[in-house]
């Protein structure tokens, strides 16, 4: 299997001078295509920061980050935008759904904003609504959904364009245990059935166990859990 994410000698800090806080100090991590990786570590250690760095949302770092063998360091804003549109997607703790749009409209929103043709995604949309258990909720608004249903809607929105990589930042952090398990099972299906590479940040040992690999962020380095 080839690596879809390759982090080499990553150094990252916040602040400057006497107020500088070092987050990463020579961190390395290679993630294989089709894997499901759970990233754990203490609060404030930099787990979410790592996801922002991988997606090029934060470009202030030393070392290198490669997506499918291409370094993001020298990429233009347009090139990074294309990667975020076609190669990777995010799912966050909070669902970020538009309250005035239905489930179907929320899922299709990135397609419309990118100028692509909605009709080209109809079959994929119907398939995802079935997969996420939202087929009977397609005309519902976020206020009419449970927290778990809203998160499933945000996941469907993230994977509609069939990205290779899904970056999930505490995706169950705002859910009860039962709803969180549903989300983890959905990630597992997407990983196994669609070959989606998943990198999730989590504080939960139960959620981390759904991954095929657990990586711990500790002492500014990334190491596989024993």
Protein backbone atom coordinates (compact mmCIF):
# COMPACT_ATOMS: atom_id res chain seq x y z
CA UNK A 1 0.00 0.00 0.00
CA UNK A 2 1.24 3.49 -0.81
CA UNK A 3 1.22 6.33 1.72
CA UNK A 4 -1.45 9.00 1.20
CA UNK A 5 -0.12 11.16 4.04
CA UNK A 6 3.58 11.45 4.85
CA UNK A 7 4.76 13.81 7.59
CA UNK A 8 8.50 14.34 7.82
CA UNK A 9 10.40 16.18 10.54
CA UNK A 10 7.42 18.36 11.43
CA UNK A 11 8.13 21.34 13.67
CA UNK A 12 5.39 23.69 14.77
CA UNK A 13 5.15 26.34 17.46
CA UNK A 14 2.80 29.08 18.57
CA UNK A 15 3.88 32.47 19.89
CA UNK A 16 7.42 33.83 19.89
CA UNK A 17 10.31 34.59 22.18
CA UNK A 18 9.64 33.77 25.81
CA UNK A 19 6.02 33.00 25.00
CA UNK A 20 6.77 30.41 22.32
CA UNK A 21 5.05 27.05 22.79
CA UNK A 22 6.52 24.16 20.83
CA UNK A 23 3.80 21.77 19.60
CA UNK A 24 5.74 19.44 17.28
CA UNK A 25 9.49 18.86 17.33
CA UNK A 26 10.62 16.58 14.53
CA UNK A 27 7.41 14.55 14.31
CA UNK A 28 7.10 11.86 11.62
CA UNK A 29 4.06 9.91 10.50
CA UNK A 30 3.20 7.86 7.40
CA UNK A 31 -0.41 6.83 6.80
CA UNK A 32 -1.18 4.15 4.25
CA UNK A 33 -3.98 4.40 1.72
CA UNK A 34 -7.13 2.72 2.99
CA UNK A 35 -6.13 2.70 6.65
CA UNK A 36 -8.18 3.88 9.63
CA UNK A 37 -5.95 5.75 12.07
CA UNK A 38 -6.99 7.04 15.49
CA UNK A 39 -4.90 9.89 16.88
CA UNK A 40 -4.92 10.20 20.67
CA UNK A 41 -3.11 12.35 23.21
CA UNK A 42 -3.62 14.83 26.02
CA UNK A 43 -5.87 17.85 25.57
CA UNK A 44 -3.96 20.76 24.08
CA UNK A 45 -1.15 18.55 22.77
CA UNK A 46 -1.76 19.57 19.15
CA UNK A 47 -3.98 16.85 17.69
CA UNK A 48 -6.41 19.24 16.01
CA UNK A 49 -3.51 21.40 14.88
CA UNK A 50 -2.12 18.40 13.01
CA UNK A 51 -5.34 18.05 11.01
CA UNK A 52 -5.23 21.73 10.06
CA UNK A 53 -1.62 21.36 8.96
CA UNK A 54 -2.38 18.30 6.82
CA UNK A 55 -5.19 20.18 5.07
CA UNK A 56 -3.04 23.23 4.46
CA UNK A 57 -5.27 25.40 6.64
CA UNK A 58 -2.19 26.30 8.72
CA UNK A 59 0.96 26.67 6.63
CA UNK A 60 3.31 27.99 9.31
CA UNK A 61 5.52 24.96 9.98
CA UNK A 62 8.93 23.45 9.34
CA UNK A 63 9.57 20.01 7.87
CA UNK A 64 7.30 18.62 5.20
CA UNK A 65 3.82 17.22 4.68
CA UNK A 66 3.07 15.21 1.55
CA UNK A 67 -0.35 14.24 0.21
CA UNK A 68 -0.11 11.41 -2.32
CA UNK A 69 3.61 12.09 -2.60
CA UNK A 70 3.18 15.82 -3.29
CA UNK A 71 4.55 18.34 -0.81
CA UNK A 72 2.01 20.95 0.27
CA UNK A 73 4.73 23.41 1.26
CA UNK A 74 5.12 24.94 -2.17
CA UNK A 75 1.51 24.71 -3.23
CA UNK A 76 -0.48 27.77 -4.17
CA UNK A 77 -3.76 28.59 -2.44
CA UNK A 78 -5.58 27.34 -5.52
CA UNK A 79 -3.74 24.00 -5.48
CA UNK A 80 -4.51 23.54 -1.79
CA UNK A 81 -8.14 24.41 -2.44
CA UNK A 82 -8.30 21.73 -5.13
CA UNK A 83 -6.88 19.16 -2.71
CA UNK A 84 -9.51 20.09 -0.12
CA UNK A 85 -12.20 19.85 -2.80
CA UNK A 86 -11.20 16.52 -4.31
CA UNK A 87 -8.62 14.69 -2.16
CA UNK A 88 -9.60 15.23 1.46
CA UNK A 89 -12.55 16.34 3.56
CA UNK A 90 -13.15 17.34 7.17
CA UNK A 91 -15.71 16.32 9.78
CA UNK A 92 -15.76 18.38 12.96
CA UNK A 93 -17.17 17.96 16.45
CA UNK A 94 -19.89 20.49 15.66
CA UNK A 95 -21.92 19.72 12.59
CA UNK A 96 -21.75 23.10 10.79
CA UNK A 97 -25.04 22.54 8.98
CA UNK A 98 -26.99 25.42 7.45
CA UNK A 99 -30.18 25.71 9.53
CA UNK A 100 -32.27 26.95 6.61
CA UNK A 101 -31.33 24.07 4.31
CA UNK A 102 -32.71 20.53 4.26
CA UNK A 103 -30.54 17.43 4.73
CA UNK A 104 -30.31 16.97 0.98
CA UNK A 105 -29.47 20.63 0.40
CA UNK A 106 -26.80 20.61 3.11
CA UNK A 107 -25.12 17.56 1.61
CA UNK A 108 -25.15 19.12 -1.87
CA UNK A 109 -24.01 22.57 -0.74
CA UNK A 110 -20.26 22.06 -1.43
CA UNK A 111 -21.13 20.85 -4.93
CA UNK A 112 -23.15 23.95 -5.67
CA UNK A 113 -20.54 26.30 -4.19
CA UNK A 114 -17.81 24.73 -6.33
CA UNK A 115 -19.85 25.27 -9.49
CA UNK A 116 -20.21 21.58 -10.25
CA UNK A 117 -23.45 20.09 -11.57
CA UNK A 118 -25.72 18.76 -8.84
CA UNK A 119 -27.36 16.28 -11.21
CA UNK A 120 -24.02 14.49 -11.62
CA UNK A 121 -24.15 13.54 -7.94
CA UNK A 122 -27.75 12.37 -7.69
CA UNK A 123 -26.89 8.67 -7.65
CA UNK A 124 -24.11 9.19 -5.11
CA UNK A 125 -26.46 11.30 -2.98
CA UNK A 126 -29.15 8.62 -2.94
CA UNK A 127 -26.57 5.97 -2.06
CA UNK A 128 -25.17 8.04 0.81
CA UNK A 129 -28.61 8.82 2.20
CA UNK A 130 -29.24 5.07 2.40
CA UNK A 131 -25.80 4.35 3.86
CA UNK A 132 -26.19 6.99 6.56
CA UNK A 133 -29.77 6.06 7.37
CA UNK A 134 -31.08 9.47 6.32
CA UNK A 135 -33.14 8.51 3.27
CA UNK A 136 -36.39 9.31 5.08
CA UNK A 137 -34.93 12.59 6.40
CA UNK A 138 -33.78 14.11 3.12
CA UNK A 139 -36.44 16.87 3.29
CA UNK A 140 -35.94 17.52 7.02
CA UNK A 141 -34.13 20.51 8.49
CA UNK A 142 -31.27 20.24 11.04
CA UNK A 143 -33.59 21.37 13.88
CA UNK A 144 -35.69 18.27 13.20
CA UNK A 145 -32.75 15.89 13.57
CA UNK A 146 -30.99 14.32 16.53
CA UNK A 147 -27.32 15.10 17.13
CA UNK A 148 -26.30 11.76 15.65
CA UNK A 149 -28.40 12.36 12.54
CA UNK A 150 -26.88 15.82 12.11
CA UNK A 151 -23.39 14.36 12.31
CA UNK A 152 -24.28 11.67 9.79
CA UNK A 153 -25.49 14.45 7.50
CA UNK A 154 -22.16 16.26 7.85
CA UNK A 155 -20.31 13.02 7.07
CA UNK A 156 -22.41 12.46 3.95
CA UNK A 157 -21.61 16.02 2.88
CA UNK A 158 -17.89 15.39 3.45
CA UNK A 159 -17.72 12.19 1.39
CA UNK A 160 -20.14 12.97 -1.46
CA UNK A 161 -17.26 13.94 -3.76
CA UNK A 162 -15.50 10.63 -2.92
CA UNK A 163 -12.34 12.06 -1.35
CA UNK A 164 -9.43 9.75 -0.61
CA UNK A 165 -8.91 11.07 2.92
CA UNK A 166 -11.33 11.97 5.71
CA UNK A 167 -9.97 14.05 8.60
CA UNK A 168 -12.27 13.85 11.63
CA UNK A 169 -11.75 16.14 14.62
CA UNK A 170 -13.47 14.70 17.71
CA UNK A 171 -16.47 13.62 15.60
CA UNK A 172 -18.29 12.07 18.57
CA UNK A 173 -17.36 14.72 21.13
CA UNK A 174 -20.82 16.29 21.08
CA UNK A 175 -22.78 13.02 21.07
CA UNK A 176 -24.05 10.50 23.60
CA UNK A 177 -22.44 7.06 23.71
CA UNK A 178 -25.01 5.30 21.50
CA UNK A 179 -24.88 8.00 18.82
CA UNK A 180 -21.09 8.02 18.99
CA UNK A 181 -21.02 4.28 18.33
CA UNK A 182 -23.24 4.78 15.27
CA UNK A 183 -20.78 7.34 13.89
CA UNK A 184 -17.81 5.03 14.48
CA UNK A 185 -19.59 2.16 12.74
CA UNK A 186 -20.31 4.47 9.80
CA UNK A 187 -16.63 5.45 9.58
CA UNK A 188 -15.72 1.77 9.67
CA UNK A 189 -18.09 1.01 6.78
CA UNK A 190 -16.79 3.90 4.71
CA UNK A 191 -13.25 2.71 5.37
CA UNK A 192 -13.89 -0.94 4.56
CA UNK A 193 -16.45 -0.65 1.76
CA UNK A 194 -15.24 2.47 -0.03
CA UNK A 195 -11.53 2.33 0.80
CA UNK A 196 -11.67 5.76 2.45
CA UNK A 197 -8.56 6.63 4.46
CA UNK A 198 -9.70 7.92 7.86
CA UNK A 199 -7.63 9.92 10.36
CA UNK A 200 -9.66 10.73 13.44
CA UNK A 201 -8.72 12.71 16.54
CA UNK A 202 -10.37 11.34 19.67
CA UNK A 203 -10.12 11.36 23.46
CA UNK A 204 -12.20 8.19 23.69
CA UNK A 205 -10.49 4.82 24.01
CA UNK A 206 -13.68 3.17 22.74
CA UNK A 207 -13.70 5.30 19.59
CA UNK A 208 -9.95 4.89 19.08
CA UNK A 209 -10.40 1.11 19.10
CA UNK A 210 -12.42 1.30 15.88
CA UNK A 211 -9.24 2.27 14.06
CA UNK A 212 -6.91 -0.30 12.55
CA UNK A 213 -4.03 1.72 14.02
CA UNK A 214 -3.69 3.98 17.05
CA UNK A 215 -1.11 6.78 17.03
CA UNK A 216 -0.32 8.79 20.14
CA UNK A 217 0.85 12.40 20.22
CA UNK A 218 3.17 12.73 23.19
CA UNK A 219 6.26 14.81 23.93
CA UNK A 220 5.78 16.60 20.58
CA UNK A 221 6.25 13.35 18.63
CA UNK A 222 3.91 10.87 16.93
CA UNK A 223 4.32 7.21 17.87
CA UNK A 224 2.26 4.06 17.44
CA UNK A 225 0.52 2.95 20.61
CA UNK A 226 1.78 -0.31 22.02
